[in-house]
């Protein structure tokens, strides 16, 4: 018999970091794999469009689909581990991403990562509640849906809860550190350096018309280099 388990995780995004920076970061997909402490390595493979098309979880398929083969280390018991590989397929949506991992032993993990205005609820996220009050802050929200054999579920759910809470926090910490490092570096540059960097080259060798706008766009791109 199969059973289902859900996990809800939220991590605040510091106000000094624009939410679009976090969104662009998670939509590269690799931070969710690189910050998973049970994944030893991963590599990109052919996108599994057929899976995306037949699983309603993903919604409408688009060109953002990417599939990875991840090699993970499972802790079966103290001192006892097993290495396994399975596919992870990801798709971008306007405010986040959706991923599906098809693990061994029939374990399927679907995750949705969303960058959204921070919400305050009067009850735990794991319980039914009415929409909270939106505030002038943002957060990274993840919903994990696990399907597995009922006998395996206690172990799978416990491990997934610990792992995914760690991933969410690490992803936010990573993008914050990268963003602030870029901002600090950029602040050292003189205005002439900026104009040289941001100069728009076209057939007429036209000059930059709106430095402030281009600076912001260039800053976003630099964070993800």
C-alpha atoms as a PDB file:
ATOM      1  CA  UNK A   1       0.000   0.000   0.000  1.00  0.00           C
ATOM      2  CA  UNK A   2       1.264   3.473  -0.915  1.00  0.00           C
ATOM      3  CA  UNK A   3       0.917   6.555   1.245  1.00  0.00           C
ATOM      4  CA  UNK A   4       1.510  10.275   0.853  1.00  0.00           C
ATOM      5  CA  UNK A   5       3.363  12.749   3.060  1.00  0.00           C
ATOM      6  CA  UNK A   6       3.626  16.540   2.721  1.00  0.00           C
ATOM      7  CA  UNK A   7       6.218  18.957   4.061  1.00  0.00           C
ATOM      8  CA  UNK A   8       5.928  22.763   4.079  1.00  0.00           C
ATOM      9  CA  UNK A   9       9.012  24.928   4.487  1.00  0.00           C
ATOM     10  CA  UNK A  10       9.504  28.698   4.468  1.00  0.00           C
ATOM     11  CA  UNK A  11      12.749  30.665   4.725  1.00  0.00           C
ATOM     12  CA  UNK A  12      12.669  34.487   4.940  1.00  0.00           C
ATOM     13  CA  UNK A  13      14.553  36.397   2.250  1.00  0.00           C
ATOM     14  CA  UNK A  14      16.549  39.301   3.754  1.00  0.00           C
ATOM     15  CA  UNK A  15      15.064  42.650   2.744  1.00  0.00           C
ATOM     16  CA  UNK A  16      18.376  43.815   1.286  1.00  0.00           C
ATOM     17  CA  UNK A  17      18.147  41.159  -1.446  1.00  0.00           C
ATOM     18  CA  UNK A  18      15.602  41.696  -4.268  1.00  0.00           C
ATOM     19  CA  UNK A  19      13.237  38.707  -4.603  1.00  0.00           C
ATOM     20  CA  UNK A  20      13.888  38.509  -8.358  1.00  0.00           C
ATOM     21  CA  UNK A  21      17.509  37.662  -7.559  1.00  0.00           C
ATOM     22  CA  UNK A  22      16.401  34.624  -5.543  1.00  0.00           C
ATOM     23  CA  UNK A  23      13.916  33.634  -8.247  1.00  0.00           C
ATOM     24  CA  UNK A  24      16.564  33.773 -10.976  1.00  0.00           C
ATOM     25  CA  UNK A  25      18.884  31.725  -8.769  1.00  0.00           C
ATOM     26  CA  UNK A  26      16.484  28.843  -8.144  1.00  0.00           C
ATOM     27  CA  UNK A  27      15.391  28.779 -11.789  1.00  0.00           C
ATOM     28  CA  UNK A  28      18.858  27.537 -12.720  1.00  0.00           C
ATOM     29  CA  UNK A  29      17.794  24.350 -10.817  1.00  0.00           C
ATOM     30  CA  UNK A  30      21.322  23.344  -9.815  1.00  0.00           C
ATOM     31  CA  UNK A  31      21.274  25.085  -6.385  1.00  0.00           C
ATOM     32  CA  UNK A  32      18.616  22.617  -5.225  1.00  0.00           C
ATOM     33  CA  UNK A  33      20.876  19.718  -6.195  1.00  0.00           C
ATOM     34  CA  UNK A  34      24.204  21.192  -5.114  1.00  0.00           C
ATOM     35  CA  UNK A  35      22.861  22.043  -1.640  1.00  0.00           C
ATOM     36  CA  UNK A  36      21.342  18.606  -1.046  1.00  0.00           C
ATOM     37  CA  UNK A  37      23.679  16.932   1.429  1.00  0.00           C
ATOM     38  CA  UNK A  38      22.796  13.411   0.277  1.00  0.00           C
ATOM     39  CA  UNK A  39      23.630  14.095  -3.368  1.00  0.00           C
ATOM     40  CA  UNK A  40      27.223  13.251  -4.194  1.00  0.00           C
ATOM     41  CA  UNK A  41      27.112  14.396  -7.824  1.00  0.00           C
ATOM     42  CA  UNK A  42      24.726  15.204 -10.656  1.00  0.00           C
ATOM     43  CA  UNK A  43      24.836  15.697 -14.402  1.00  0.00           C
ATOM     44  CA  UNK A  44      22.362  16.968 -16.953  1.00  0.00           C
ATOM     45  CA  UNK A  45      20.724  14.469 -19.293  1.00  0.00           C
ATOM     46  CA  UNK A  46      18.114  14.625 -22.057  1.00  0.00           C
ATOM     47  CA  UNK A  47      14.998  16.525 -20.866  1.00  0.00           C
ATOM     48  CA  UNK A  48      12.174  14.114 -20.066  1.00  0.00           C
ATOM     49  CA  UNK A  49       9.380  15.915 -21.896  1.00  0.00           C
ATOM     50  CA  UNK A  50       7.186  12.817 -21.881  1.00  0.00           C
ATOM     51  CA  UNK A  51       7.183  12.759 -18.073  1.00  0.00           C
ATOM     52  CA  UNK A  52       6.287  16.441 -17.885  1.00  0.00           C
ATOM     53  CA  UNK A  53       3.458  16.014 -20.381  1.00  0.00           C
ATOM     54  CA  UNK A  54       1.769  13.160 -18.516  1.00  0.00           C
ATOM     55  CA  UNK A  55       2.207  14.437 -14.943  1.00  0.00           C
ATOM     56  CA  UNK A  56      -0.399  17.140 -14.109  1.00  0.00           C
ATOM     57  CA  UNK A  57       1.875  18.346 -11.303  1.00  0.00           C
ATOM     58  CA  UNK A  58       4.054  20.223 -13.791  1.00  0.00           C
ATOM     59  CA  UNK A  59       1.227  22.088 -15.479  1.00  0.00           C
ATOM     60  CA  UNK A  60       1.729  23.247 -19.058  1.00  0.00           C
ATOM     61  CA  UNK A  61       5.081  22.039 -20.491  1.00  0.00           C
ATOM     62  CA  UNK A  62       7.491  24.721 -21.689  1.00  0.00           C
ATOM     63  CA  UNK A  63      11.042  25.093 -22.965  1.00  0.00           C
ATOM     64  CA  UNK A  64      12.520  25.392 -19.455  1.00  0.00           C
ATOM     65  CA  UNK A  65      12.406  21.624 -18.792  1.00  0.00           C
ATOM     66  CA  UNK A  66      15.716  20.101 -17.716  1.00  0.00           C
ATOM     67  CA  UNK A  67      16.477  16.617 -16.394  1.00  0.00           C
ATOM     68  CA  UNK A  68      19.414  15.605 -14.214  1.00  0.00           C
ATOM     69  CA  UNK A  69      20.809  12.271 -13.108  1.00  0.00           C
ATOM     70  CA  UNK A  70      21.683  12.557  -9.430  1.00  0.00           C
ATOM     71  CA  UNK A  71      23.877  10.183  -7.467  1.00  0.00           C
ATOM     72  CA  UNK A  72      22.769  10.090  -3.872  1.00  0.00           C
ATOM     73  CA  UNK A  73      23.957   8.422  -0.713  1.00  0.00           C
ATOM     74  CA  UNK A  74      21.268   6.932   1.505  1.00  0.00           C
ATOM     75  CA  UNK A  75      21.851   6.435   5.208  1.00  0.00           C
ATOM     76  CA  UNK A  76      20.136   3.128   5.961  1.00  0.00           C
ATOM     77  CA  UNK A  77      21.427   2.864   9.517  1.00  0.00           C
ATOM     78  CA  UNK A  78      24.349   4.214  11.542  1.00  0.00           C
ATOM     79  CA  UNK A  79      27.431   3.292   9.537  1.00  0.00           C
ATOM     80  CA  UNK A  80      25.410   1.673   6.739  1.00  0.00           C
ATOM     81  CA  UNK A  81      24.937   3.558   3.453  1.00  0.00           C
ATOM     82  CA  UNK A  82      23.894   2.743  -0.099  1.00  0.00           C
ATOM     83  CA  UNK A  83      24.642   4.717  -3.262  1.00  0.00           C
ATOM     84  CA  UNK A  84      21.908   5.081  -5.864  1.00  0.00           C
ATOM     85  CA  UNK A  85      21.147   7.206  -8.898  1.00  0.00           C
ATOM     86  CA  UNK A  86      17.819   8.464 -10.181  1.00  0.00           C
ATOM     87  CA  UNK A  87      16.438  11.215 -12.420  1.00  0.00           C
ATOM     88  CA  UNK A  88      15.274  14.648 -11.333  1.00  0.00           C
ATOM     89  CA  UNK A  89      13.167  16.638 -13.803  1.00  0.00           C
ATOM     90  CA  UNK A  90      12.559  20.373 -13.338  1.00  0.00           C
ATOM     91  CA  UNK A  91      10.365  23.032 -14.942  1.00  0.00           C
ATOM     92  CA  UNK A  92      10.173  26.789 -14.339  1.00  0.00           C
ATOM     93  CA  UNK A  93       6.933  28.606 -13.551  1.00  0.00           C
ATOM     94  CA  UNK A  94       6.487  32.396 -13.276  1.00  0.00           C
ATOM     95  CA  UNK A  95       7.211  32.562  -9.543  1.00  0.00           C
ATOM     96  CA  UNK A  96       9.395  29.496  -9.018  1.00  0.00           C
ATOM     97  CA  UNK A  97      10.066  25.932 -10.136  1.00  0.00           C
ATOM     98  CA  UNK A  98       8.591  22.441  -9.948  1.00  0.00           C
ATOM     99  CA  UNK A  99      10.728  19.326  -9.683  1.00  0.00           C
ATOM    100  CA  UNK A 100      10.061  15.608  -9.633  1.00  0.00           C
ATOM    101  CA  UNK A 101      12.517  12.968  -8.430  1.00  0.00           C
ATOM    102  CA  UNK A 102      11.820   9.305  -9.153  1.00  0.00           C
ATOM    103  CA  UNK A 103      13.864   7.415  -6.608  1.00  0.00           C
ATOM    104  CA  UNK A 104      14.355   3.701  -6.142  1.00  0.00           C
ATOM    105  CA  UNK A 105      11.863   1.485  -4.310  1.00  0.00           C
ATOM    106  CA  UNK A 106       8.991   3.389  -5.916  1.00  0.00           C
ATOM    107  CA  UNK A 107       9.609   6.621  -4.012  1.00  0.00           C
ATOM    108  CA  UNK A 108       8.408   9.720  -5.884  1.00  0.00           C
ATOM    109  CA  UNK A 109       9.169  13.198  -4.570  1.00  0.00           C
ATOM    110  CA  UNK A 110       7.510  16.271  -6.081  1.00  0.00           C
ATOM    111  CA  UNK A 111       8.669  19.688  -4.925  1.00  0.00           C
ATOM    112  CA  UNK A 112       7.459  23.188  -5.698  1.00  0.00           C
ATOM    113  CA  UNK A 113       9.702  26.145  -4.843  1.00  0.00           C
ATOM    114  CA  UNK A 114       8.101  29.589  -4.878  1.00  0.00           C
ATOM    115  CA  UNK A 115       9.397  33.094  -4.194  1.00  0.00           C
ATOM    116  CA  UNK A 116       6.428  34.921  -2.711  1.00  0.00           C
ATOM    117  CA  UNK A 117       5.462  37.776  -0.378  1.00  0.00           C
ATOM    118  CA  UNK A 118       5.990  36.632   3.174  1.00  0.00           C
ATOM    119  CA  UNK A 119       2.849  35.366   4.843  1.00  0.00           C
ATOM    120  CA  UNK A 120       1.938  35.186   8.502  1.00  0.00           C
ATOM    121  CA  UNK A 121      -0.438  32.465   9.589  1.00  0.00           C
ATOM    122  CA  UNK A 122      -2.059  31.984  12.933  1.00  0.00           C
ATOM    123  CA  UNK A 123      -1.486  28.242  12.681  1.00  0.00           C
ATOM    124  CA  UNK A 124       1.147  25.790  11.547  1.00  0.00           C
ATOM    125  CA  UNK A 125       1.699  25.502   7.757  1.00  0.00           C
ATOM    126  CA  UNK A 126       0.883  21.794   8.058  1.00  0.00           C
ATOM    127  CA  UNK A 127      -2.676  22.551   9.140  1.00  0.00           C
ATOM    128  CA  UNK A 128      -5.577  23.978   7.190  1.00  0.00           C
ATOM    129  CA  UNK A 129      -5.816  27.740   7.581  1.00  0.00           C
ATOM    130  CA  UNK A 130      -7.157  30.773   5.773  1.00  0.00           C
ATOM    131  CA  UNK A 131      -4.803  33.018   3.789  1.00  0.00           C
ATOM    132  CA  UNK A 132      -2.610  35.106   6.030  1.00  0.00           C
ATOM    133  CA  UNK A 133      -1.797  38.776   5.951  1.00  0.00           C
ATOM    134  CA  UNK A 134       0.735  39.787   3.337  1.00  0.00           C
ATOM    135  CA  UNK A 135       3.560  41.974   4.574  1.00  0.00           C
ATOM    136  CA  UNK A 136       6.308  43.935   2.823  1.00  0.00           C
ATOM    137  CA  UNK A 137       8.743  41.041   2.962  1.00  0.00           C
ATOM    138  CA  UNK A 138       9.517  37.989   0.843  1.00  0.00           C
ATOM    139  CA  UNK A 139      10.234  34.334   1.458  1.00  0.00           C
ATOM    140  CA  UNK A 140      11.277  31.140  -0.273  1.00  0.00           C
ATOM    141  CA  UNK A 141       8.470  28.622   0.142  1.00  0.00           C
ATOM    142  CA  UNK A 142       8.790  24.927  -0.623  1.00  0.00           C
ATOM    143  CA  UNK A 143       6.101  22.274  -0.651  1.00  0.00           C
ATOM    144  CA  UNK A 144       7.279  18.663  -0.736  1.00  0.00           C
ATOM    145  CA  UNK A 145       4.915  15.831  -1.689  1.00  0.00           C
ATOM    146  CA  UNK A 146       6.242  12.315  -1.143  1.00  0.00           C
ATOM    147  CA  UNK A 147       4.626   9.112  -2.379  1.00  0.00           C
ATOM    148  CA  UNK A 148       6.070   5.819  -1.172  1.00  0.00           C
ATOM    149  CA  UNK A 149       5.282   2.402   0.231  1.00  0.00           C
ATOM    150  CA  UNK A 150       3.644   2.763   3.638  1.00  0.00           C
ATOM    151  CA  UNK A 151       6.366   0.679   5.274  1.00  0.00           C
ATOM    152  CA  UNK A 152       9.101   2.947   3.910  1.00  0.00           C
ATOM    153  CA  UNK A 153       7.330   6.231   4.536  1.00  0.00           C
ATOM    154  CA  UNK A 154       8.428   6.858   8.158  1.00  0.00           C
ATOM    155  CA  UNK A 155      12.100   6.724   7.167  1.00  0.00           C
ATOM    156  CA  UNK A 156      11.640   8.541   3.863  1.00  0.00           C
ATOM    157  CA  UNK A 157       9.563  11.336   5.425  1.00  0.00           C
ATOM    158  CA  UNK A 158      11.971  11.868   8.309  1.00  0.00           C
ATOM    159  CA  UNK A 159      14.980  12.042   5.997  1.00  0.00           C
ATOM    160  CA  UNK A 160      13.240  14.311   3.480  1.00  0.00           C
ATOM    161  CA  UNK A 161      12.139  16.754   6.171  1.00  0.00           C
ATOM    162  CA  UNK A 162      15.682  17.187   7.456  1.00  0.00           C
ATOM    163  CA  UNK A 163      17.266  17.352   4.003  1.00  0.00           C
ATOM    164  CA  UNK A 164      14.832  19.821   2.442  1.00  0.00           C
ATOM    165  CA  UNK A 165      14.891  22.230   5.372  1.00  0.00           C
ATOM    166  CA  UNK A 166      18.646  22.307   4.984  1.00  0.00           C
ATOM    167  CA  UNK A 167      18.413  22.875   1.227  1.00  0.00           C
ATOM    168  CA  UNK A 168      16.057  25.846   1.571  1.00  0.00           C
ATOM    169  CA  UNK A 169      18.233  27.617   4.105  1.00  0.00           C
ATOM    170  CA  UNK A 170      21.430  26.938   2.167  1.00  0.00           C
ATOM    171  CA  UNK A 171      19.920  28.194  -1.088  1.00  0.00           C
ATOM    172  CA  UNK A 172      18.873  31.493   0.503  1.00  0.00           C
ATOM    173  CA  UNK A 173      22.222  31.887   2.274  1.00  0.00           C
ATOM    174  CA  UNK A 174      24.051  31.170  -0.976  1.00  0.00           C
ATOM    175  CA  UNK A 175      22.221  33.749  -3.057  1.00  0.00           C
ATOM    176  CA  UNK A 176      22.461  36.366  -0.298  1.00  0.00           C
ATOM    177  CA  UNK A 177      26.219  35.905  -0.006  1.00  0.00           C
ATOM    178  CA  UNK A 178      26.722  36.029  -3.783  1.00  0.00           C
ATOM    179  CA  UNK A 179      24.522  39.086  -4.181  1.00  0.00           C
ATOM    180  CA  UNK A 180      26.128  41.073  -1.383  1.00  0.00           C
ATOM    181  CA  UNK A 181      29.610  40.163  -2.611  1.00  0.00           C
ATOM    182  CA  UNK A 182      28.752  41.467  -6.079  1.00  0.00           C
ATOM    183  CA  UNK A 183      27.227  44.642  -4.641  1.00  0.00           C
ATOM    184  CA  UNK A 184      30.365  45.269  -2.599  1.00  0.00           C
ATOM    185  CA  UNK A 185      32.576  44.698  -5.617  1.00  0.00           C
ATOM    186  CA  UNK A 186      30.475  46.923  -7.827  1.00  0.00           C
ATOM    187  CA  UNK A 187      30.475  49.716  -5.237  1.00  0.00           C
ATOM    188  CA  UNK A 188      34.237  49.992  -5.630  1.00  0.00           C
ATOM    189  CA  UNK A 189      34.003  50.777  -9.315  1.00  0.00           C
ATOM    190  CA  UNK A 190      34.022  54.367 -10.463  1.00  0.00           C
ATOM    191  CA  UNK A 191      31.341  55.874 -12.668  1.00  0.00           C
ATOM    192  CA  UNK A 192      33.690  55.714 -15.632  1.00  0.00           C
ATOM    193  CA  UNK A 193      34.178  51.996 -15.041  1.00  0.00           C
ATOM    194  CA  UNK A 194      30.413  51.556 -15.078  1.00  0.00           C
ATOM    195  CA  UNK A 195      30.027  53.439 -18.324  1.00  0.00           C
ATOM    196  CA  UNK A 196      32.721  51.328 -19.920  1.00  0.00           C
ATOM    197  CA  UNK A 197      31.170  48.086 -18.658  1.00  0.00           C
ATOM    198  CA  UNK A 198      27.599  48.942 -19.524  1.00  0.00           C
ATOM    199  CA  UNK A 199      28.196  50.634 -22.874  1.00  0.00           C
ATOM    200  CA  UNK A 200      25.750  49.367 -25.450  1.00  0.00           C
ATOM    201  CA  UNK A 201      27.413  48.481 -28.726  1.00  0.00           C
ATOM    202  CA  UNK A 202      25.316  48.510 -31.880  1.00  0.00           C
ATOM    203  CA  UNK A 203      25.867  49.247 -35.529  1.00  0.00           C
ATOM    204  CA  UNK A 204      26.101  52.950 -34.768  1.00  0.00           C
ATOM    205  CA  UNK A 205      28.211  52.470 -31.638  1.00  0.00           C
ATOM    206  CA  UNK A 206      25.403  54.096 -29.662  1.00  0.00           C
ATOM    207  CA  UNK A 207      25.984  55.060 -26.064  1.00  0.00           C
ATOM    208  CA  UNK A 208      24.059  53.998 -23.026  1.00  0.00           C
ATOM    209  CA  UNK A 209      20.813  55.936 -22.714  1.00  0.00           C
ATOM    210  CA  UNK A 210      19.715  54.921 -19.226  1.00  0.00           C
ATOM    211  CA  UNK A 211      22.664  53.992 -16.976  1.00  0.00           C
ATOM    212  CA  UNK A 212      20.511  53.432 -13.893  1.00  0.00           C
ATOM    213  CA  UNK A 213      18.292  50.855 -15.598  1.00  0.00           C
ATOM    214  CA  UNK A 214      21.159  49.097 -17.311  1.00  0.00           C
ATOM    215  CA  UNK A 215      23.144  49.078 -14.076  1.00  0.00           C
ATOM    216  CA  UNK A 216      20.337  47.266 -12.288  1.00  0.00           C
ATOM    217  CA  UNK A 217      20.008  44.703 -15.073  1.00  0.00           C
ATOM    218  CA  UNK A 218      23.747  44.184 -15.232  1.00  0.00           C
ATOM    219  CA  UNK A 219      23.853  43.720 -11.464  1.00  0.00           C
ATOM    220  CA  UNK A 220      21.288  40.930 -11.687  1.00  0.00           C
ATOM    221  CA  UNK A 221      23.283  39.189 -14.413  1.00  0.00           C
ATOM    222  CA  UNK A 222      26.542  39.512 -12.482  1.00  0.00           C
ATOM    223  CA  UNK A 223      25.091  37.789  -9.440  1.00  0.00           C
ATOM    224  CA  UNK A 224      24.577  34.621 -11.465  1.00  0.00           C
ATOM    225  CA  UNK A 225      27.957  34.494 -13.203  1.00  0.00           C
END
